[in-house]
Amino acid sequence: MRFKITCEIVEGDSFSQDYRRAILKLFKTGLCKYQDIFNDFFNSNKTKKYSWSVYFKNSKFEKGRIYLQDEKKEFVINFSVLNNSDSINIFNAFISIKYKEIKISEGLVVKVTGVNKLPHSNIDTNRLIAKTMSPIVCRDHNKDTGEDIYYTGENNEFIEIIKRNLYSELREEYGDYIQKDIENLTINSEKLKKIVVKFYNKTINASIGIISFTGKSYLLDYIYNRGMGSLTGSGYGLLEMI
């Protein structure tokens, strides 16, 4: 399911460039009264099979902040969710806080004014060309040292790490045979460019632009509707078909 959440600033006029944590607070507020669902999303090792992005209407970036300039200061959160049950839970979470004024960071109070479903696309061909709606994070996590290394589309390691992480996510559901399909998946990242993003006071490398895939349709459908790369549940990796 894909849907958009329209929001309005009630108090304040700007977001920090590390704004994703504030959006997560809004999301968590909607889910907090559903304790079992909240724990499933945020207090477990469950893979986040959804992605999202934020569009700030008529905004400007200045001194580490994003200022909304219209009298009616609106922003839109776009969600793509792979599973029907997760879709319903996320959709209902935002419905439950509609029109409520919620403080999501210091000096910033917002309210949800609209929650609308968008057309859903299943990928049933072996070719997908998409643009990034939020940056793709390619993270190589070393379990022994706890160190994270972030690669971008211009790095040779990018496709290797994306495929390895994809296999880790899908192996339990599909079995080891999926390894061959992932090996045969072609990813063209030549039209991605590197950016640096803020995430919980850290700066990490990420990629934006156009990316294309050739491979089994079920893999392309998973990537498109779940989101691509790491940290999709934190506002990264949302794709839009072009």
Protein backbone atom coordinates (compact mmCIF):
# COMPACT_ATOMS: atom_id res chain seq x y z
CA MET A 1 0.00 0.00 0.00
CA ARG A 2 1.08 3.55 -0.69
CA PHE A 3 -0.38 6.55 1.05
CA LYS A 4 0.41 10.14 1.90
CA ILE A 5 0.04 11.96 5.19
CA THR A 6 -0.51 15.71 4.92
CA CYS A 7 0.65 17.68 7.96
CA GLU A 8 0.70 21.29 9.06
CA ILE A 9 2.97 23.14 11.47
CA VAL A 10 0.95 24.64 14.31
CA GLU A 11 3.84 26.21 16.26
CA GLY A 12 7.28 26.95 14.86
CA ASP A 13 8.46 27.46 11.32
CA SER A 14 11.34 25.06 10.65
CA PHE A 15 12.82 21.58 10.95
CA SER A 16 16.36 20.58 11.77
CA GLN A 17 18.11 18.91 8.83
CA ASP A 18 18.10 15.87 11.14
CA TYR A 19 14.31 15.94 10.77
CA ARG A 20 13.64 12.22 10.41
CA ARG A 21 13.73 11.66 14.17
CA ALA A 22 10.93 14.22 14.54
CA ILE A 23 8.83 12.41 11.93
CA LEU A 24 9.49 9.13 13.75
CA LYS A 25 8.21 10.72 16.95
CA LEU A 26 4.97 11.60 15.15
CA PHE A 27 4.70 8.02 13.88
CA LYS A 28 5.45 6.54 17.31
CA THR A 29 2.82 8.80 18.92
CA GLY A 30 0.22 7.31 16.60
CA LEU A 31 1.26 3.77 17.48
CA CYS A 32 1.92 4.15 21.21
CA LYS A 33 -1.57 3.13 22.34
CA TYR A 34 -1.23 -0.14 20.42
CA GLN A 35 1.49 -1.61 22.64
CA ASP A 36 1.89 -4.97 20.89
CA ILE A 37 2.11 -3.34 17.47
CA PHE A 38 4.47 -0.64 18.81
CA ASN A 39 6.82 -3.28 20.23
CA ASP A 40 6.71 -5.21 16.98
CA PHE A 41 7.79 -2.13 15.03
CA PHE A 42 10.26 -0.54 17.42
CA ASN A 43 11.32 -2.98 20.16
CA SER A 44 12.16 -6.01 18.07
CA ASN A 45 14.67 -7.05 15.43
CA LYS A 46 11.95 -7.27 12.81
CA THR A 47 13.04 -6.04 9.38
CA LYS A 48 11.20 -2.83 8.53
CA LYS A 49 9.35 -3.63 5.31
CA TYR A 50 8.28 -0.09 4.60
CA SER A 51 9.90 3.16 3.52
CA TRP A 52 8.98 6.81 3.56
CA SER A 53 10.01 10.28 2.53
CA VAL A 54 9.07 13.84 3.44
CA TYR A 55 8.26 16.68 1.07
CA PHE A 56 8.44 20.18 2.55
CA LYS A 57 6.26 22.61 0.59
CA ASN A 58 7.94 25.89 -0.42
CA SER A 59 10.95 25.43 1.81
CA LYS A 60 14.45 26.87 1.99
CA PHE A 61 17.57 25.49 3.66
CA GLU A 62 19.47 27.88 5.87
CA LYS A 63 22.03 27.36 8.66
CA GLY A 64 21.23 23.69 9.18
CA ARG A 65 17.46 24.13 9.20
CA ILE A 66 14.58 23.70 6.76
CA TYR A 67 12.23 26.69 6.80
CA LEU A 68 8.66 26.46 5.48
CA GLN A 69 7.77 29.83 4.02
CA ASP A 70 4.05 29.74 3.22
CA GLU A 71 1.50 31.11 5.66
CA LYS A 72 0.09 27.58 5.83
CA LYS A 73 3.23 25.58 6.58
CA GLU A 74 2.57 22.13 5.15
CA PHE A 75 4.67 19.03 4.62
CA VAL A 76 3.77 15.62 3.21
CA ILE A 77 4.97 12.20 4.34
CA ASN A 78 4.82 9.54 1.62
CA PHE A 79 4.73 5.90 2.73
CA SER A 80 5.18 2.63 0.85
CA VAL A 81 4.45 -0.53 2.84
CA LEU A 82 5.01 -4.06 1.58
CA ASN A 83 2.72 -6.09 3.88
CA ASN A 84 -1.03 -5.58 4.18
CA SER A 85 -1.03 -5.95 7.97
CA ASP A 86 1.75 -3.38 8.39
CA SER A 87 -0.06 -1.08 5.95
CA ILE A 88 -3.25 -1.18 7.99
CA ASN A 89 -1.40 -0.58 11.27
CA ILE A 90 0.57 2.38 9.94
CA PHE A 91 -2.45 3.88 8.20
CA ASN A 92 -4.56 3.56 11.37
CA ALA A 93 -1.76 5.02 13.50
CA PHE A 94 -1.88 8.28 11.56
CA ILE A 95 -5.69 8.27 11.42
CA SER A 96 -5.72 8.02 15.23
CA ILE A 97 -3.80 11.30 15.64
CA LYS A 98 -5.53 13.24 12.88
CA TYR A 99 -6.11 16.90 13.89
CA LYS A 100 -4.30 16.42 17.22
CA GLU A 101 -1.54 18.91 18.02
CA ILE A 102 1.68 17.01 18.76
CA LYS A 103 5.04 18.39 19.85
CA ILE A 104 7.64 16.52 17.80
CA SER A 105 10.75 18.55 18.69
CA GLU A 106 11.74 21.62 20.66
CA GLY A 107 9.64 24.56 19.48
CA LEU A 108 7.80 22.53 16.84
CA VAL A 109 4.15 21.43 17.11
CA VAL A 110 2.38 19.79 14.16
CA LYS A 111 -0.91 18.15 13.31
CA VAL A 112 -1.95 15.58 10.72
CA THR A 113 -4.62 17.03 8.44
CA GLY A 114 -5.05 14.26 5.87
CA VAL A 115 -4.34 10.55 5.38
CA ASN A 116 -4.98 9.33 1.83
CA LYS A 117 -4.33 6.10 -0.03
CA LEU A 118 -2.37 6.32 -3.27
CA PRO A 119 -2.47 4.01 -6.31
CA HIS A 120 -0.50 0.81 -5.68
CA SER A 121 1.73 -0.78 -8.31
CA ASN A 122 2.84 -4.40 -8.38
CA ILE A 123 5.93 -5.07 -10.46
CA ASP A 124 5.21 -7.94 -12.83
CA THR A 125 7.99 -7.41 -15.38
CA ASN A 126 11.73 -8.03 -15.20
CA ARG A 127 12.66 -4.35 -15.58
CA LEU A 128 12.31 -1.45 -13.13
CA ILE A 129 13.53 2.13 -13.47
CA ALA A 130 12.95 4.35 -10.45
CA LYS A 131 13.95 7.64 -8.89
CA THR A 132 14.72 8.11 -5.24
CA MET A 133 12.10 9.89 -3.14
CA SER A 134 14.39 9.59 -0.13
CA PRO A 135 18.12 8.76 -0.16
CA ILE A 136 19.31 5.17 -0.47
CA VAL A 137 21.50 4.06 2.44
CA CYS A 138 23.86 1.18 1.73
CA ARG A 139 25.24 0.03 5.08
CA ASP A 140 27.84 -2.66 5.69
CA HIS A 141 27.53 -3.65 9.34
CA ASN A 142 30.36 -5.56 11.02
CA LYS A 143 28.75 -7.67 13.75
CA ASP A 144 32.09 -8.34 15.46
CA THR A 145 33.19 -4.73 15.81
CA GLY A 146 29.79 -3.03 15.62
CA GLU A 147 31.20 -0.68 12.98
CA ASP A 148 29.09 0.62 10.11
CA ILE A 149 30.49 1.65 6.73
CA TYR A 150 28.25 3.49 4.26
CA TYR A 151 28.68 3.18 0.50
CA THR A 152 27.16 5.20 -2.33
CA GLY A 153 26.28 4.35 -5.91
CA GLU A 154 29.70 5.42 -7.13
CA ASN A 155 31.48 2.86 -4.91
CA ASN A 156 32.35 -0.58 -6.28
CA GLU A 157 31.06 -2.16 -3.07
CA PHE A 158 27.58 -0.63 -3.37
CA ILE A 159 25.89 -3.34 -5.45
CA GLU A 160 27.65 -6.16 -3.58
CA ILE A 161 26.45 -4.91 -0.19
CA ILE A 162 22.91 -4.19 -1.44
CA LYS A 163 22.64 -7.76 -2.75
CA ARG A 164 24.14 -9.31 0.37
CA ASN A 165 21.71 -7.47 2.63
CA LEU A 166 18.81 -8.38 0.35
CA TYR A 167 19.74 -12.07 0.63
CA SER A 168 19.89 -11.81 4.43
CA GLU A 169 16.39 -10.33 4.49
CA LEU A 170 14.78 -12.86 2.14
CA ARG A 171 16.63 -16.11 2.82
CA GLU A 172 14.34 -17.24 5.64
CA GLU A 173 11.17 -16.57 3.65
CA TYR A 174 12.26 -17.96 0.28
CA GLY A 175 15.03 -20.42 1.13
CA ASP A 176 18.59 -20.63 -0.14
CA TYR A 177 17.52 -20.90 -3.77
CA ILE A 178 16.90 -17.16 -3.77
CA GLN A 179 20.65 -16.63 -3.75
CA LYS A 180 20.86 -17.42 -7.47
CA ASP A 181 18.09 -14.96 -8.34
CA ILE A 182 19.84 -12.23 -6.35
CA GLU A 183 23.18 -13.02 -7.99
CA ASN A 184 21.49 -12.63 -11.39
CA LEU A 185 19.84 -9.35 -10.41
CA THR A 186 21.36 -6.47 -12.40
CA ILE A 187 21.52 -3.09 -10.67
CA ASN A 188 22.61 0.02 -12.56
CA SER A 189 23.64 2.77 -10.13
CA GLU A 190 25.49 5.01 -12.61
CA LYS A 191 22.90 7.77 -12.31
CA LEU A 192 23.04 7.94 -8.53
CA LYS A 193 25.00 10.71 -6.87
CA LYS A 194 26.43 10.95 -3.39
CA ILE A 195 24.93 13.16 -0.70
CA VAL A 196 25.62 13.45 3.01
CA VAL A 197 22.61 13.22 5.34
CA LYS A 198 22.05 13.75 9.04
CA PHE A 199 20.73 10.88 11.13
CA TYR A 200 20.56 11.15 14.93
CA ASN A 201 23.47 13.62 15.02
CA LYS A 202 25.60 11.45 12.73
CA THR A 203 26.48 12.29 9.15
CA ILE A 204 26.26 9.36 6.75
CA ASN A 205 26.82 8.91 3.05
CA ALA A 206 23.78 8.12 0.91
CA SER A 207 22.65 8.22 -2.74
CA ILE A 208 19.96 10.03 -4.71
CA GLY A 209 19.01 9.96 -8.38
CA ILE A 210 17.90 7.32 -10.87
CA ILE A 211 18.47 3.58 -10.41
CA SER A 212 17.45 0.67 -12.62
CA PHE A 213 17.05 -3.07 -12.10
CA THR A 214 16.72 -6.15 -14.28
CA GLY A 215 15.77 -9.45 -12.67
CA LYS A 216 12.98 -11.63 -11.33
CA SER A 217 9.76 -9.65 -10.96
CA TYR A 218 9.16 -10.78 -7.35
CA LEU A 219 12.52 -9.29 -6.35
CA LEU A 220 11.79 -6.01 -8.12
CA ASP A 221 8.35 -5.88 -6.48
CA TYR A 222 9.95 -6.41 -3.07
CA ILE A 223 12.55 -3.67 -3.61
CA TYR A 224 9.99 -1.21 -4.97
CA ASN A 225 7.26 -1.66 -2.37
CA ARG A 226 9.48 -2.26 0.66
CA GLY A 227 12.12 0.32 -0.23
CA MET A 228 15.78 -0.13 -1.07
CA GLY A 229 18.77 -0.41 1.22
CA SER A 230 19.15 0.06 4.96
CA LEU A 231 17.22 2.28 7.39
CA THR A 232 14.08 2.28 5.25
CA GLY A 233 11.95 2.43 8.39
CA SER A 234 13.74 5.64 9.35
CA GLY A 235 12.97 7.58 6.20
CA TYR A 236 15.34 6.26 3.56
CA GLY A 237 15.14 4.22 0.36
CA LEU A 238 11.68 5.16 -0.95
CA LEU A 239 11.50 4.69 -4.74
CA GLU A 240 9.08 5.97 -7.35
CA MET A 241 8.71 4.25 -10.71
CA ILE A 242 9.45 6.34 -13.80
